[in-house]
Amino acid sequence: MRNGTARMVRAFVDTSVLFSALYSASDHARDLLVYASTDQLKLVTTEYVLDEADVVLKRQVADKYHQLKTILDAVEFEVSPNPPR
C-alpha cells in the first residue's frame, strides 16, 4: 500500500491467454478474465494483441469468435501502446 491505498494487481494478456480462456472453463486464463470482470484484477494488453486475437481467433476458431467478442466487451482492458519495432 502506498498512501493508504491498495494497488490493483495488473496482468499482461496475450492472444494465447484469450485462446485458452475460450477453450476451458476451469483454466487459469479464464480465472484472469473472471477476476478482471469483477474488478479484482486489471488486465493489460496492446492494440497489436487485440488485433491479432481478432484475426487469428476468427480464422482458427470461428465457432468461438462470438464468445471472444462477449469477453472483450465484458472486461475492461488497459491498452498499452505497441512496443517499438
Protein backbone atom coordinates (compact mmCIF):
# COMPACT_ATOMS: atom_id res chain seq x y z
CA MET A 1 0.00 0.00 0.00
CA ARG A 2 1.10 3.48 -0.77
CA ASN A 3 -0.50 6.45 0.96
CA GLY A 4 -3.18 4.17 2.41
CA THR A 5 -4.45 2.91 -0.95
CA ALA A 6 -4.01 -0.60 -2.29
CA ARG A 7 -2.62 -1.01 -5.78
CA MET A 8 -4.60 -3.11 -8.22
CA VAL A 9 -2.74 -6.16 -9.47
CA ARG A 10 -2.11 -5.95 -13.21
CA ALA A 11 -1.54 -8.88 -15.58
CA PHE A 12 -0.49 -8.77 -19.22
CA VAL A 13 -2.76 -10.75 -21.54
CA ASP A 14 -1.71 -12.00 -24.96
CA THR A 15 -3.54 -13.93 -27.65
CA SER A 16 -2.67 -17.30 -26.12
CA VAL A 17 -4.39 -16.33 -22.86
CA LEU A 18 -7.56 -15.33 -24.73
CA PHE A 19 -7.44 -18.55 -26.77
CA SER A 20 -7.01 -20.64 -23.62
CA ALA A 21 -9.85 -18.84 -21.83
CA LEU A 22 -12.20 -19.66 -24.70
CA TYR A 23 -11.46 -23.38 -24.52
CA SER A 24 -11.50 -24.15 -20.82
CA ALA A 25 -13.96 -23.06 -18.17
CA SER A 26 -11.55 -24.26 -15.47
CA ASP A 27 -8.32 -22.84 -16.88
CA HIS A 28 -6.31 -20.14 -15.10
CA ALA A 29 -6.65 -17.96 -18.18
CA ARG A 30 -10.42 -17.99 -17.66
CA ASP A 31 -9.85 -17.11 -13.99
CA LEU A 32 -7.95 -13.99 -15.04
CA LEU A 33 -10.93 -12.84 -17.10
CA VAL A 34 -13.35 -13.57 -14.27
CA TYR A 35 -11.25 -11.64 -11.76
CA ALA A 36 -10.95 -8.74 -14.18
CA SER A 37 -14.70 -8.68 -14.78
CA THR A 38 -15.25 -8.26 -11.03
CA ASP A 39 -12.58 -5.55 -10.71
CA GLN A 40 -10.21 -7.75 -8.69
CA LEU A 41 -7.51 -7.53 -11.35
CA LYS A 42 -6.55 -5.17 -14.15
CA LEU A 43 -5.74 -6.79 -17.50
CA VAL A 44 -3.14 -5.09 -19.66
CA THR A 45 -2.63 -5.70 -23.36
CA THR A 46 -1.67 -3.88 -26.55
CA GLU A 47 -3.55 -2.95 -29.71
CA TYR A 48 -1.39 -5.48 -31.53
CA VAL A 49 -2.60 -8.31 -29.27
CA LEU A 50 -6.25 -7.27 -29.65
CA ASP A 51 -5.88 -7.10 -33.44
CA GLU A 52 -4.05 -10.43 -33.54
CA ALA A 53 -6.68 -12.10 -31.36
CA ASP A 54 -9.41 -10.78 -33.62
CA VAL A 55 -7.79 -12.09 -36.81
CA VAL A 56 -6.35 -15.38 -35.53
CA LEU A 57 -9.29 -16.47 -33.43
CA LYS A 58 -11.78 -15.53 -36.13
CA ARG A 59 -9.84 -17.66 -38.62
CA GLN A 60 -8.95 -20.62 -36.38
CA VAL A 61 -11.97 -20.90 -34.09
CA ALA A 62 -14.85 -19.23 -35.85
CA ASP A 63 -17.35 -21.14 -33.69
CA LYS A 64 -15.97 -19.45 -30.55
CA TYR A 65 -15.50 -16.00 -32.06
CA HIS A 66 -18.75 -14.61 -30.63
CA GLN A 67 -17.56 -15.67 -27.17
CA LEU A 68 -14.36 -13.69 -27.66
CA LYS A 69 -16.34 -10.59 -28.54
CA THR A 70 -18.53 -11.08 -25.45
CA ILE A 71 -15.43 -11.39 -23.25
CA LEU A 72 -13.78 -8.33 -24.76
CA ASP A 73 -16.95 -6.33 -24.17
CA ALA A 74 -17.32 -7.54 -20.55
CA VAL A 75 -13.75 -6.94 -19.42
CA GLU A 76 -12.06 -3.56 -19.32
CA PHE A 77 -8.51 -3.79 -20.61
CA GLU A 78 -5.76 -1.28 -20.06
CA VAL A 79 -4.43 -0.96 -23.60
CA SER A 80 -0.77 -0.01 -23.67
CA PRO A 81 0.98 1.35 -26.76
CA ASN A 82 2.51 -1.21 -29.09
CA PRO A 83 6.21 -1.69 -28.43
CA PRO A 84 8.53 -0.08 -30.99
CA ARG A 85 9.72 -2.29 -33.81
